[in-house]
Amino acid sequence: MEKQEKSNFWQALGLAWELGYVIAIPIVVFGLLGRFLDKKFHSSPWLLLAGIIVSIAISSFGLVSKFKKMLKKIEDTSKTPPQNPNQESK
């Protein structure tokens, strides 16, 4: 594998890891919180469902935010012309 390919691989793996956290953490936290509150207030399964719905909204917002940052980075990279190492500075 070339150096650039390895770099792209690690960048993609890092992005996948971040997206996994953006999705998983809110679902676990709000799901467990909803379950705890359901047991405390004897309202099963309503607060669990509310927690899951809130976590889906938070995860969606996080994903949209990540994708916007990623698209901005891609646009900025594509606007910058590649530098030719053989070209002399004037």
N, C-alpha and C. Protein backbone atom coordinates (compact mmCIF):
# COMPACT_ATOMS: atom_id res chain seq x y z
N MET A 1 0.83 -1.18 0.00
CA MET A 1 0.00 0.00 0.00
C MET A 1 0.88 1.25 0.00
N GLU A 2 0.50 2.21 -0.79
CA GLU A 2 1.23 3.46 -0.81
C GLU A 2 0.91 4.28 0.43
N LYS A 3 1.76 5.27 0.68
CA LYS A 3 1.57 6.12 1.86
C LYS A 3 0.22 6.84 1.82
N GLN A 4 -0.16 7.36 0.63
CA GLN A 4 -1.44 8.07 0.49
C GLN A 4 -2.62 7.13 0.73
N GLU A 5 -2.54 5.91 0.23
CA GLU A 5 -3.62 4.94 0.43
C GLU A 5 -3.77 4.59 1.91
N LYS A 6 -2.64 4.44 2.61
CA LYS A 6 -2.69 4.15 4.04
C LYS A 6 -3.31 5.31 4.80
N SER A 7 -2.94 6.52 4.40
CA SER A 7 -3.49 7.71 5.04
C SER A 7 -5.00 7.78 4.83
N ASN A 8 -5.45 7.53 3.61
CA ASN A 8 -6.89 7.53 3.32
C ASN A 8 -7.62 6.45 4.11
N PHE A 9 -6.99 5.29 4.24
CA PHE A 9 -7.59 4.20 5.01
C PHE A 9 -7.79 4.61 6.46
N TRP A 10 -6.77 5.19 7.07
CA TRP A 10 -6.86 5.59 8.48
C TRP A 10 -7.84 6.74 8.67
N GLN A 11 -7.92 7.64 7.70
CA GLN A 11 -8.89 8.72 7.78
C GLN A 11 -10.32 8.16 7.72
N ALA A 12 -10.54 7.23 6.82
CA ALA A 12 -11.87 6.62 6.69
C ALA A 12 -12.23 5.83 7.95
N LEU A 13 -11.26 5.12 8.48
CA LEU A 13 -11.50 4.35 9.71
C LEU A 13 -11.81 5.29 10.88
N GLY A 14 -11.09 6.39 10.96
CA GLY A 14 -11.34 7.38 12.01
C GLY A 14 -12.73 7.99 11.89
N LEU A 15 -13.14 8.29 10.66
CA LEU A 15 -14.47 8.85 10.44
C LEU A 15 -15.55 7.84 10.83
N ALA A 16 -15.37 6.59 10.45
CA ALA A 16 -16.34 5.55 10.81
C ALA A 16 -16.43 5.40 12.33
N TRP A 17 -15.29 5.47 12.99
CA TRP A 17 -15.25 5.37 14.45
C TRP A 17 -16.01 6.53 15.09
N GLU A 18 -15.77 7.75 14.60
CA GLU A 18 -16.47 8.93 15.12
C GLU A 18 -17.98 8.83 14.91
N LEU A 19 -18.37 8.41 13.72
CA LEU A 19 -19.80 8.29 13.43
C LEU A 19 -20.46 7.24 14.31
N GLY A 20 -19.73 6.17 14.59
CA GLY A 20 -20.25 5.15 15.49
C GLY A 20 -20.53 5.71 16.87
N TYR A 21 -19.60 6.53 17.36
CA TYR A 21 -19.81 7.17 18.66
C TYR A 21 -20.96 8.16 18.63
N VAL A 22 -21.07 8.92 17.55
CA VAL A 22 -22.15 9.91 17.43
C VAL A 22 -23.51 9.22 17.48
N ILE A 23 -23.59 8.02 16.96
CA ILE A 23 -24.86 7.28 16.95
C ILE A 23 -25.06 6.51 18.26
N ALA A 24 -24.03 5.80 18.72
CA ALA A 24 -24.19 4.86 19.83
C ALA A 24 -24.33 5.53 21.19
N ILE A 25 -23.53 6.54 21.46
CA ILE A 25 -23.53 7.12 22.81
C ILE A 25 -24.89 7.71 23.19
N PRO A 26 -25.52 8.53 22.35
CA PRO A 26 -26.85 9.05 22.75
C PRO A 26 -27.89 7.94 22.93
N ILE A 27 -27.86 6.92 22.09
CA ILE A 27 -28.84 5.84 22.22
C ILE A 27 -28.65 5.10 23.54
N VAL A 28 -27.42 4.80 23.89
CA VAL A 28 -27.17 4.09 25.15
C VAL A 28 -27.54 4.97 26.34
N VAL A 29 -27.07 6.22 26.34
CA VAL A 29 -27.32 7.11 27.48
C VAL A 29 -28.81 7.37 27.67
N PHE A 30 -29.49 7.80 26.62
CA PHE A 30 -30.91 8.14 26.77
C PHE A 30 -31.79 6.90 26.90
N GLY A 31 -31.38 5.79 26.31
CA GLY A 31 -32.12 4.55 26.50
C GLY A 31 -32.06 4.08 27.95
N LEU A 32 -30.85 4.10 28.52
CA LEU A 32 -30.71 3.70 29.93
C LEU A 32 -31.40 4.69 30.87
N LEU A 33 -31.30 5.98 30.55
CA LEU A 33 -31.98 6.98 31.37
C LEU A 33 -33.50 6.78 31.32
N GLY A 34 -34.03 6.53 30.13
CA GLY A 34 -35.47 6.28 29.99
C GLY A 34 -35.90 5.04 30.75
N ARG A 35 -35.09 4.00 30.69
CA ARG A 35 -35.41 2.76 31.40
C ARG A 35 -35.41 2.99 32.91
N PHE A 36 -34.38 3.71 33.38
CA PHE A 36 -34.29 4.02 34.81
C PHE A 36 -35.51 4.82 35.28
N LEU A 37 -35.87 5.84 34.50
CA LEU A 37 -37.01 6.67 34.88
C LEU A 37 -38.33 5.90 34.80
N ASP A 38 -38.44 4.98 33.83
CA ASP A 38 -39.63 4.13 33.75
C ASP A 38 -39.79 3.28 35.01
N LYS A 39 -38.68 2.72 35.49
CA LYS A 39 -38.76 1.90 36.70
C LYS A 39 -39.09 2.76 37.92
N LYS A 40 -38.53 3.97 37.95
CA LYS A 40 -38.76 4.85 39.10
C LYS A 40 -40.21 5.34 39.15
N PHE A 41 -40.76 5.71 38.00
CA PHE A 41 -42.10 6.27 37.95
C PHE A 41 -43.17 5.27 37.51
N HIS A 42 -42.79 4.01 37.29
CA HIS A 42 -43.72 2.95 36.86
C HIS A 42 -44.51 3.37 35.62
N SER A 43 -43.79 3.84 34.63
CA SER A 43 -44.45 4.33 33.40
C SER A 43 -44.00 3.57 32.16
N SER A 44 -43.54 2.35 32.36
CA SER A 44 -42.97 1.57 31.27
C SER A 44 -43.94 1.44 30.11
N PRO A 45 -43.55 1.53 28.90
CA PRO A 45 -42.27 1.80 28.26
C PRO A 45 -42.14 3.24 27.76
N TRP A 46 -42.96 4.15 28.25
CA TRP A 46 -43.08 5.48 27.64
C TRP A 46 -41.82 6.32 27.75
N LEU A 47 -41.17 6.34 28.89
CA LEU A 47 -39.97 7.16 29.01
C LEU A 47 -38.79 6.53 28.27
N LEU A 48 -38.77 5.21 28.19
CA LEU A 48 -37.75 4.55 27.36
C LEU A 48 -37.91 4.96 25.91
N LEU A 49 -39.14 4.92 25.42
CA LEU A 49 -39.40 5.33 24.03
C LEU A 49 -39.07 6.80 23.82
N ALA A 50 -39.40 7.64 24.80
CA ALA A 50 -39.06 9.06 24.69
C ALA A 50 -37.55 9.25 24.65
N GLY A 51 -36.83 8.49 25.47
CA GLY A 51 -35.37 8.56 25.46
C GLY A 51 -34.78 8.14 24.13
N ILE A 52 -35.34 7.10 23.55
CA ILE A 52 -34.85 6.63 22.25
C ILE A 52 -35.14 7.66 21.16
N ILE A 53 -36.32 8.27 21.21
CA ILE A 53 -36.66 9.30 20.22
C ILE A 53 -35.73 10.50 20.35
N VAL A 54 -35.47 10.92 21.58
CA VAL A 54 -34.54 12.04 21.80
C VAL A 54 -33.15 11.68 21.30
N SER A 55 -32.72 10.45 21.56
CA SER A 55 -31.38 10.03 21.12
C SER A 55 -31.29 9.97 19.60
N ILE A 56 -32.35 9.59 18.93
CA ILE A 56 -32.35 9.58 17.46
C ILE A 56 -32.22 11.00 16.94
N ALA A 57 -32.93 11.94 17.57
CA ALA A 57 -32.83 13.34 17.15
C ALA A 57 -31.42 13.87 17.37
N ILE A 58 -30.83 13.58 18.51
CA ILE A 58 -29.47 14.05 18.80
C ILE A 58 -28.47 13.41 17.85
N SER A 59 -28.61 12.11 17.59
CA SER A 59 -27.71 11.43 16.66
C SER A 59 -27.84 12.00 15.25
N SER A 60 -29.06 12.28 14.83
CA SER A 60 -29.28 12.85 13.50
C SER A 60 -28.61 14.22 13.39
N PHE A 61 -28.79 15.04 14.42
CA PHE A 61 -28.15 16.36 14.43
C PHE A 61 -26.63 16.21 14.37
N GLY A 62 -26.08 15.28 15.15
CA GLY A 62 -24.63 15.04 15.14
C GLY A 62 -24.12 14.56 13.80
N LEU A 63 -24.88 13.67 13.15
CA LEU A 63 -24.47 13.18 11.84
C LEU A 63 -24.49 14.29 10.79
N VAL A 64 -25.54 15.10 10.81
CA VAL A 64 -25.63 16.21 9.85
C VAL A 64 -24.47 17.17 10.07
N SER A 65 -24.16 17.46 11.32
CA SER A 65 -23.05 18.36 11.63
C SER A 65 -21.73 17.79 11.13
N LYS A 66 -21.49 16.51 11.36
CA LYS A 66 -20.26 15.85 10.89
C LYS A 66 -20.16 15.90 9.37
N PHE A 67 -21.27 15.60 8.69
CA PHE A 67 -21.25 15.59 7.23
C PHE A 67 -21.02 16.98 6.66
N LYS A 68 -21.59 18.00 7.30
CA LYS A 68 -21.36 19.37 6.83
C LYS A 68 -19.89 19.74 6.96
N LYS A 69 -19.27 19.38 8.09
CA LYS A 69 -17.84 19.65 8.27
C LYS A 69 -17.01 18.90 7.24
N MET A 70 -17.40 17.65 6.98
CA MET A 70 -16.66 16.85 6.02
C MET A 70 -16.79 17.43 4.61
N LEU A 71 -17.99 17.84 4.22
CA LEU A 71 -18.19 18.43 2.89
C LEU A 71 -17.44 19.74 2.75
N LYS A 72 -17.41 20.54 3.82
CA LYS A 72 -16.66 21.80 3.80
C LYS A 72 -15.18 21.52 3.59
N LYS A 73 -14.66 20.51 4.28
CA LYS A 73 -13.25 20.15 4.14
C LYS A 73 -12.95 19.68 2.73
N ILE A 74 -13.85 18.90 2.14
CA ILE A 74 -13.66 18.42 0.77
C ILE A 74 -13.69 19.59 -0.21
N GLU A 75 -14.63 20.52 -0.02
CA GLU A 75 -14.70 21.69 -0.90
C GLU A 75 -13.44 22.53 -0.80
N ASP A 76 -12.95 22.75 0.41
CA ASP A 76 -11.73 23.54 0.59
C ASP A 76 -10.53 22.85 -0.05
N THR A 77 -10.47 21.53 0.05
CA THR A 77 -9.37 20.78 -0.54
C THR A 77 -9.44 20.83 -2.07
N SER A 78 -10.64 20.75 -2.63
CA SER A 78 -10.77 20.74 -4.09
C SER A 78 -10.51 22.13 -4.68
N LYS A 79 -10.70 23.20 -3.91
CA LYS A 79 -10.43 24.54 -4.41
C LYS A 79 -8.94 24.84 -4.48
N THR A 80 -8.17 24.22 -3.62
CA THR A 80 -6.73 24.44 -3.60
C THR A 80 -6.09 23.59 -4.69
N PRO A 81 -5.42 24.23 -5.67
CA PRO A 81 -4.79 23.43 -6.73
C PRO A 81 -3.61 22.65 -6.16
N PRO A 82 -3.40 21.45 -6.67
CA PRO A 82 -2.27 20.66 -6.19
C PRO A 82 -0.96 21.33 -6.58
N GLN A 83 0.01 21.26 -5.69
CA GLN A 83 1.30 21.88 -5.97
C GLN A 83 2.18 20.89 -6.71
N ASN A 84 2.84 21.39 -7.73
CA ASN A 84 3.75 20.58 -8.52
C ASN A 84 5.14 20.73 -7.91
N PRO A 85 5.74 19.65 -7.43
CA PRO A 85 7.06 19.75 -6.81
C PRO A 85 8.16 20.12 -7.81
N ASN A 86 7.93 19.91 -9.10
CA ASN A 86 8.93 20.22 -10.12
C ASN A 86 8.91 21.68 -10.52
N GLN A 87 7.87 22.40 -10.12
CA GLN A 87 7.73 23.80 -10.50
C GLN A 87 8.57 24.67 -9.56
N GLU A 88 9.32 25.59 -10.15
CA GLU A 88 10.18 26.45 -9.35
C GLU A 88 9.40 27.65 -8.85
N SER A 89 9.75 28.13 -7.65
CA SER A 89 9.11 29.32 -7.10
C SER A 89 9.66 30.55 -7.79
N LYS A 90 8.81 31.54 -8.04
CA LYS A 90 9.25 32.76 -8.70
C LYS A 90 9.20 33.91 -7.76
